[in-house]
Protein backbone atom coordinates (compact mmCIF):
# COMPACT_ATOMS: atom_id res chain seq x y z
CA UNK A 1 0.01 -0.02 -0.02
CA UNK A 2 2.91 2.38 0.68
CA UNK A 3 3.96 2.30 -2.96
CA UNK A 4 0.54 3.65 -4.05
CA UNK A 5 0.07 7.40 -3.60
CA UNK A 6 -3.27 8.19 -1.93
CA UNK A 7 -5.04 10.97 -0.14
CA UNK A 8 -8.47 10.10 1.28
CA UNK A 9 -10.41 12.60 3.37
CA UNK A 10 -13.72 11.83 5.14
CA UNK A 11 -14.74 14.76 7.26
CA UNK A 12 -12.01 15.03 9.92
CA UNK A 13 -10.58 11.61 9.08
CA UNK A 14 -7.58 11.47 6.72
CA UNK A 15 -5.77 8.49 5.24
CA UNK A 16 -2.69 9.38 3.24
CA UNK A 17 0.50 7.86 1.82
CA UNK A 18 2.09 10.99 3.38
CA UNK A 19 2.30 10.15 7.11
CA UNK A 20 2.30 13.84 8.03
CA UNK A 21 -1.26 14.15 6.74
CA UNK A 22 -2.68 10.85 7.87
CA UNK A 23 -4.51 9.97 11.06
CA UNK A 24 -5.77 6.50 9.94
CA UNK A 25 -4.22 3.88 7.67
CA UNK A 26 -5.92 2.93 4.39
CA UNK A 27 -6.59 -0.82 4.14
CA UNK A 28 -8.39 -0.90 0.77
CA UNK A 29 -10.86 0.98 -1.36
CA UNK A 30 -12.84 0.92 -4.58
CA UNK A 31 -14.71 3.75 -6.23
CA UNK A 32 -16.76 4.03 -9.39
CA UNK A 33 -18.12 6.87 -11.45
CA UNK A 34 -19.63 7.26 -14.87
CA UNK A 35 -22.62 6.60 -17.09
CA UNK A 36 -25.11 3.69 -17.02
CA UNK A 37 -25.03 3.42 -13.22
CA UNK A 38 -27.45 4.56 -10.50
CA UNK A 39 -24.77 6.90 -9.25
CA UNK A 40 -21.05 7.04 -8.30
CA UNK A 41 -20.07 5.15 -5.16
CA UNK A 42 -17.05 4.42 -3.03
CA UNK A 43 -16.23 1.96 -0.28
CA UNK A 44 -13.19 2.81 1.89
CA UNK A 45 -11.77 0.46 4.52
CA UNK A 46 -9.71 2.11 7.23
CA UNK A 47 -7.59 0.68 10.09
CA UNK A 48 -6.58 2.23 13.35
CA UNK A 49 -8.07 2.59 16.79
CA UNK A 50 -9.34 6.17 16.82
CA UNK A 51 -12.70 6.60 18.44
CA UNK A 52 -13.95 9.42 16.14
CA UNK A 53 -15.77 8.36 12.94
CA UNK A 54 -17.14 10.13 9.85
CA UNK A 55 -20.82 10.91 9.94
CA UNK A 56 -23.35 10.64 7.10
CA UNK A 57 -23.17 13.72 5.01
CA UNK A 58 -19.47 14.46 5.69
CA UNK A 59 -17.56 15.39 2.56
CA UNK A 60 -15.43 12.70 0.86
CA UNK A 61 -12.53 13.13 -1.51
CA UNK A 62 -10.23 10.47 -2.92
CA UNK A 63 -6.96 11.19 -4.80
CA UNK A 64 -4.82 8.38 -6.20
CA UNK A 65 -1.36 8.26 -7.76
CA UNK A 66 -0.26 5.23 -9.73
CA UNK A 67 3.15 6.67 -10.44
CA UNK A 68 2.31 9.17 -13.20
CA UNK A 69 0.86 11.90 -11.00
CA UNK A 70 -2.03 12.22 -8.58
CA UNK A 71 -5.65 12.83 -9.72
CA UNK A 72 -8.93 13.21 -7.82
CA UNK A 73 -10.97 10.15 -8.68
CA UNK A 74 -14.01 10.59 -6.45
CA UNK A 75 -15.84 13.39 -4.66
CA UNK A 76 -19.06 12.96 -2.68
CA UNK A 77 -20.36 12.45 0.80
CA UNK A 78 -20.52 9.74 3.44
CA UNK A 79 -23.72 7.62 3.21
CA UNK A 80 -22.95 4.96 5.80
CA UNK A 81 -20.36 3.87 8.36
CA UNK A 82 -19.80 0.35 9.70
CA UNK A 83 -17.37 -0.85 12.36
CA UNK A 84 -15.28 -3.90 11.42
CA UNK A 85 -12.71 -6.06 13.21
CA UNK A 86 -9.95 -4.17 11.43
CA UNK A 87 -11.44 -0.67 11.83
CA UNK A 88 -14.02 1.15 9.70
CA UNK A 89 -15.82 0.57 6.40
CA UNK A 90 -17.15 3.83 5.00
CA UNK A 91 -19.62 3.97 2.05
CA UNK A 92 -19.94 7.14 0.08
CA UNK A 93 -22.07 8.41 -2.85
CA UNK A 94 -21.49 11.18 -5.39
CA UNK A 95 -23.67 14.10 -6.50
CA UNK A 96 -26.12 11.88 -8.53
CA UNK A 97 -27.39 10.55 -5.16
CA UNK A 98 -28.50 14.11 -4.34
CA UNK A 99 -30.46 14.28 -7.60
CA UNK A 100 -32.05 10.91 -6.76
CA UNK A 101 -33.37 12.42 -3.48
CA UNK A 102 -34.44 15.77 -4.99
CA UNK A 103 -38.02 16.46 -6.11
CA UNK A 104 -38.54 19.36 -8.50
CA UNK A 105 -41.83 20.89 -9.58
CA UNK A 106 -41.12 23.64 -11.98
CA UNK A 107 -42.11 24.98 -15.42
CA UNK A 108 -39.77 26.50 -17.97
CA UNK A 109 -40.59 28.76 -20.90
CA UNK A 110 -38.36 29.10 -23.94
CA UNK A 111 -35.41 27.43 -22.26
CA UNK A 112 -32.69 25.19 -23.71
CA UNK A 113 -32.09 21.74 -22.35
CA UNK A 114 -28.77 22.96 -20.96
CA UNK A 115 -30.45 25.84 -19.09
CA UNK A 116 -32.93 23.46 -17.54
CA UNK A 117 -30.15 21.12 -16.43
CA UNK A 118 -28.07 23.90 -14.94
CA UNK A 119 -31.03 25.12 -13.00
CA UNK A 120 -31.73 21.70 -11.51
CA UNK A 121 -28.02 21.22 -10.63
CA UNK A 122 -28.19 24.55 -8.83
CA UNK A 123 -31.22 23.46 -6.87
CA UNK A 124 -29.29 20.33 -5.83
CA UNK A 125 -26.18 22.31 -4.85
CA UNK A 126 -24.03 20.55 -7.44
CA UNK A 127 -21.14 21.91 -9.54
CA UNK A 128 -21.69 22.06 -13.30
CA UNK A 129 -19.39 20.16 -15.65
CA UNK A 130 -19.75 20.09 -19.43
CA UNK A 131 -23.37 20.86 -20.43
CA UNK A 132 -24.62 20.67 -23.99
CA UNK A 133 -27.26 23.34 -24.70
CA UNK A 134 -29.46 21.19 -26.88
CA UNK A 135 -32.70 22.50 -28.40
CA UNK A 136 -34.95 25.19 -27.02
CA UNK A 137 -38.35 24.03 -25.85
CA UNK A 138 -41.25 26.53 -25.89
CA UNK A 139 -42.34 25.02 -22.63
CA UNK A 140 -41.09 22.22 -20.37
CA UNK A 141 -42.23 20.99 -17.04
CA UNK A 142 -40.62 18.93 -14.32
CA UNK A 143 -43.21 17.03 -12.27
CA UNK A 144 -42.82 15.90 -8.65
CA UNK A 145 -43.98 12.38 -9.59
CA UNK A 146 -40.33 11.54 -10.43
CA UNK A 147 -37.11 12.44 -8.76
CA UNK A 148 -34.74 14.96 -10.47
CA UNK A 149 -32.32 12.21 -11.43
CA UNK A 150 -34.97 10.36 -13.40
CA UNK A 151 -36.15 13.58 -14.98
CA UNK A 152 -32.76 14.57 -16.17
CA UNK A 153 -31.96 11.10 -17.42
CA UNK A 154 -35.08 11.12 -19.51
CA UNK A 155 -34.11 14.55 -20.91
CA UNK A 156 -30.58 13.20 -21.61
CA UNK A 157 -32.02 10.23 -23.55
CA UNK A 158 -34.21 12.58 -25.65
CA UNK A 159 -31.17 14.83 -26.41
CA UNK A 160 -28.76 11.95 -27.21
CA UNK A 161 -26.40 12.81 -24.34
CA UNK A 162 -25.24 11.23 -21.09
CA UNK A 163 -25.65 12.41 -17.49
CA UNK A 164 -22.74 11.63 -15.21
CA UNK A 165 -20.44 13.05 -12.48
CA UNK A 166 -16.66 13.15 -12.83
CA UNK A 167 -13.98 12.62 -10.16
CA UNK A 168 -14.23 16.10 -8.80
CA UNK A 169 -18.03 15.93 -8.39
CA UNK A 170 -18.97 18.02 -11.41
CA UNK A 171 -22.08 16.84 -13.17
CA UNK A 172 -22.05 16.79 -16.96
CA UNK A 173 -24.83 16.53 -19.54
CA UNK A 174 -22.91 15.86 -22.67
CA UNK A 175 -22.83 13.69 -25.77
CA UNK A 176 -19.89 12.01 -27.62
CA UNK A 177 -17.14 14.19 -29.11
CA UNK A 178 -14.82 13.66 -31.93
CA UNK A 179 -11.12 14.08 -31.49
CA UNK A 180 -7.88 12.37 -30.57
CA UNK A 181 -7.38 10.11 -27.58
CA UNK A 182 -6.63 11.68 -24.18
CA UNK A 183 -4.86 8.44 -22.95
CA UNK A 184 -3.05 5.56 -24.54
CA UNK A 185 -2.62 2.00 -23.24
CA UNK A 186 -0.55 -0.84 -24.75
CA UNK A 187 -1.69 -4.46 -24.62
CA UNK A 188 0.77 -6.61 -22.65
CA UNK A 189 2.18 -3.57 -20.85
CA UNK A 190 -0.41 -1.51 -18.95
CA UNK A 191 -3.48 -3.49 -20.16
CA UNK A 192 -4.02 -6.53 -17.86
CA UNK A 193 -7.33 -7.72 -19.27
CA UNK A 194 -9.32 -6.72 -22.33
CA UNK A 195 -12.71 -7.65 -23.71
CA UNK A 196 -14.24 -5.95 -26.81
CA UNK A 197 -17.27 -6.81 -28.92
CA UNK A 198 -19.10 -5.34 -31.93
CA UNK A 199 -22.34 -3.69 -30.87
CA UNK A 200 -24.70 -2.77 -33.71
CA UNK A 201 -27.38 -0.38 -32.50
CA UNK A 202 -30.77 -1.86 -31.73
CA UNK A 203 -32.34 0.92 -33.95
CA UNK A 204 -30.62 2.38 -36.95
CA UNK A 205 -33.14 5.28 -37.33
CA UNK A 206 -35.25 7.57 -35.15
CA UNK A 207 -38.50 9.38 -35.92
CA UNK A 208 -39.46 12.06 -33.41
CA UNK A 209 -43.05 13.25 -33.30
CA UNK A 210 -44.14 16.33 -31.40
CA UNK A 211 -47.55 17.10 -30.05
CA UNK A 212 -49.79 20.14 -30.45
CA UNK A 213 -50.37 22.33 -33.42
CA UNK A 214 -47.05 24.11 -33.35
CA UNK A 215 -48.89 27.43 -33.65
CA UNK A 216 -47.66 30.06 -31.18
CA UNK A 217 -51.24 31.02 -30.25
CA UNK A 218 -52.35 27.46 -29.57
CA UNK A 219 -49.39 25.23 -28.83
CA UNK A 220 -51.34 22.97 -26.52
CA UNK A 221 -53.94 21.79 -28.97
CA UNK A 222 -53.59 18.21 -30.02
CA UNK A 223 -53.90 17.29 -33.68
CA UNK A 224 -53.75 14.22 -35.86
CA UNK A 225 -51.47 15.98 -38.32
CA UNK A 226 -47.96 15.75 -36.85
CA UNK A 227 -46.09 16.81 -39.99
CA UNK A 228 -45.43 20.25 -38.56
CA UNK A 229 -43.35 18.80 -35.72
CA UNK A 230 -41.75 15.68 -37.02
CA UNK A 231 -38.06 14.89 -37.62
CA UNK A 232 -36.16 11.81 -38.78
CA UNK A 233 -32.59 10.63 -38.91
CA UNK A 234 -30.77 7.37 -39.72
CA UNK A 235 -27.33 5.83 -39.41
CA UNK A 236 -25.75 5.40 -42.84
CA UNK A 237 -22.60 3.77 -44.14
CA UNK A 238 -19.64 4.11 -41.84
CA UNK A 239 -21.68 5.43 -38.96
CA UNK A 240 -22.60 8.68 -40.71
CA UNK A 241 -25.88 10.18 -39.49
CA UNK A 242 -28.31 11.16 -42.28
CA UNK A 243 -30.97 13.83 -41.64
CA UNK A 244 -34.49 13.25 -42.87
CA UNK A 245 -33.99 9.54 -43.48
CA UNK A 246 -35.51 6.45 -41.98
CA UNK A 247 -33.57 3.33 -41.19
CA UNK A 248 -34.49 -0.33 -41.57
CA UNK A 249 -35.33 -0.36 -37.80
CA UNK A 250 -36.66 3.06 -36.93
CA UNK A 251 -37.46 3.97 -33.32
CA UNK A 252 -40.62 6.09 -33.05
CA UNK A 253 -40.56 8.70 -30.27
CA UNK A 254 -43.45 10.91 -29.21
CA UNK A 255 -42.34 13.96 -27.14
CA UNK A 256 -44.85 16.56 -25.99
CA UNK A 257 -42.18 19.20 -25.53
CA UNK A 258 -41.39 19.19 -29.30
CA UNK A 259 -43.21 21.94 -31.23
CA UNK A 260 -41.26 22.23 -34.51
CA UNK A 261 -39.68 20.19 -37.25
CA UNK A 262 -36.23 21.61 -36.63
CA UNK A 263 -36.34 20.60 -32.96
CA UNK A 264 -37.72 17.17 -33.83
CA UNK A 265 -35.02 16.55 -36.44
CA UNK A 266 -32.29 17.78 -34.11
CA UNK A 267 -33.36 15.33 -31.42
CA UNK A 268 -33.55 12.44 -33.94
CA UNK A 269 -30.02 13.29 -35.18
CA UNK A 270 -28.70 13.49 -31.60
CA UNK A 271 -30.16 10.03 -30.80
CA UNK A 272 -28.52 8.49 -33.81
CA UNK A 273 -25.17 10.10 -33.18
CA UNK A 274 -25.19 8.65 -29.69
CA UNK A 275 -26.09 5.21 -31.07
CA UNK A 276 -23.44 5.31 -33.80
CA UNK A 277 -20.74 6.41 -31.32
CA UNK A 278 -21.04 3.12 -29.42
CA UNK A 279 -20.37 0.58 -32.14
CA UNK A 280 -17.86 -1.19 -29.89
CA UNK A 281 -18.57 -2.19 -26.25
CA UNK A 282 -16.30 -3.83 -23.69
CA UNK A 283 -13.81 -3.08 -20.96
CA UNK A 284 -10.13 -2.81 -20.24
CA UNK A 285 -8.49 -3.50 -16.90
CA UNK A 286 -5.17 -1.62 -16.62
CA UNK A 287 -2.47 -0.75 -14.08
CA UNK A 288 -3.72 2.18 -12.00
CA UNK A 289 -4.72 5.12 -14.18
CA UNK A 290 -6.35 7.79 -11.97
CA UNK A 291 -6.37 10.42 -14.71
CA UNK A 292 -8.89 8.60 -16.85
CA UNK A 293 -12.43 10.10 -16.64
CA UNK A 294 -15.81 9.30 -18.08
CA UNK A 295 -16.40 10.72 -21.62
CA UNK A 296 -12.68 10.79 -22.47
CA UNK A 297 -11.33 8.79 -25.38
CA UNK A 298 -8.59 6.23 -25.00
CA UNK A 299 -6.47 4.56 -27.60
CA UNK A 300 -5.59 0.86 -27.23
CA UNK A 301 -2.33 -0.14 -28.82
CA UNK A 302 -0.60 -3.35 -29.90
CA UNK A 303 -3.85 -5.30 -29.79
CA UNK A 304 -3.95 -9.00 -30.72
CA UNK A 305 -4.82 -9.62 -34.35
CA UNK A 306 -7.74 -11.75 -33.24
CA UNK A 307 -9.61 -8.53 -32.34
CA UNK A 308 -9.56 -7.45 -35.98
CA UNK A 309 -10.76 -3.85 -36.31
CA UNK A 310 -12.20 -3.72 -32.79
CA UNK A 311 -10.36 -1.05 -30.91
CA UNK A 312 -8.58 0.44 -33.93
CA UNK A 313 -10.32 3.80 -33.21
CA UNK A 314 -10.19 5.54 -29.88
CA UNK A 315 -12.97 4.37 -27.57
CA UNK A 316 -15.13 6.60 -25.36
CA UNK A 317 -14.99 5.79 -21.65
CA UNK A 318 -18.41 5.38 -20.06
CA UNK A 319 -17.52 4.08 -16.61
CA UNK A 320 -14.31 4.02 -14.48
CA UNK A 321 -13.71 1.91 -11.45
CA UNK A 322 -10.53 2.16 -9.32
CA UNK A 323 -9.59 -0.58 -6.84
CA UNK A 324 -6.77 -0.47 -4.28
CA UNK A 325 -6.01 -3.55 -2.27
CA UNK A 326 -3.03 -5.32 -0.73
CA UNK A 327 -3.53 -8.33 -3.00
CA UNK A 328 -3.64 -6.58 -6.37
CA UNK A 329 -2.32 -3.09 -5.71
CA UNK A 330 -3.89 -0.34 -7.78
CA UNK A 331 -5.96 -1.42 -10.79
CA UNK A 332 -8.35 0.61 -12.97
CA UNK A 333 -11.22 -0.78 -15.02
CA UNK A 334 -12.62 1.26 -17.91
CA UNK A 335 -15.92 0.37 -19.70
CA UNK A 336 -16.68 1.57 -23.22
């Protein structure tokens, strides 16, 4: 454990590889952040005989260093504390847990998706990460029948983006980006285990239908003619997204917040871009890499020929899990 740089703070408790800053030894930990999960979480096992313990709600921050520099990998708050034979086991959750507890009843007029998301993050007391603006809705309502997390995830799905928190606790509402890789890992060196598979999208097209007449003076009226608020998009050759086209397997979507063809088509295109961006799924387990964050792109090098073209392009990280233990040291698992 001494070879792994770490700084863990839980309220007044500190576990650090620097003995000058530590008042409890770290025995083991794992933490996870990213997309496709209920929320980021961490479990920290501490030794020592101190009588003071963290309390639920105390701030938590975890920084790790695998040898290439330290990075903050988790920020949240204590959710539970258990006493063990060796010391303490502390469970923590990130900011998405706050959204899961928050109820919002609010109406928005002529606001972008990004503005709505930023307002809800402010109500939850969460820091803003990268937020895509998305389309402007003439009217949009958040109902108290569902928690804020479920509401924002539904909005993210409609806009073709992902909702997630990073290691510093900033919440992002962002879709895939083009660009070069932020990190590189070589098979047989830093990559300990790798699994990749082709993942054709379940739907290769989307047709978004709005509700209402689309007329400014009567936007709430329902009509059987949806042509004024309908948009289509499909995935073409090589993953290109084609506007105004239907695929062989088109997903129909009815969204009452849509009032125009331009908004409907924009949402259809965003859904297909998100689907096309995940043509490869899988995971890589590597020697500790604390700098990797969700939404970043990683390049996998020197891959076995059996994988073919899988992994030839940089892959977008969706989930990151760090584990520190006496048995295996510091290992990072990335999911794509």
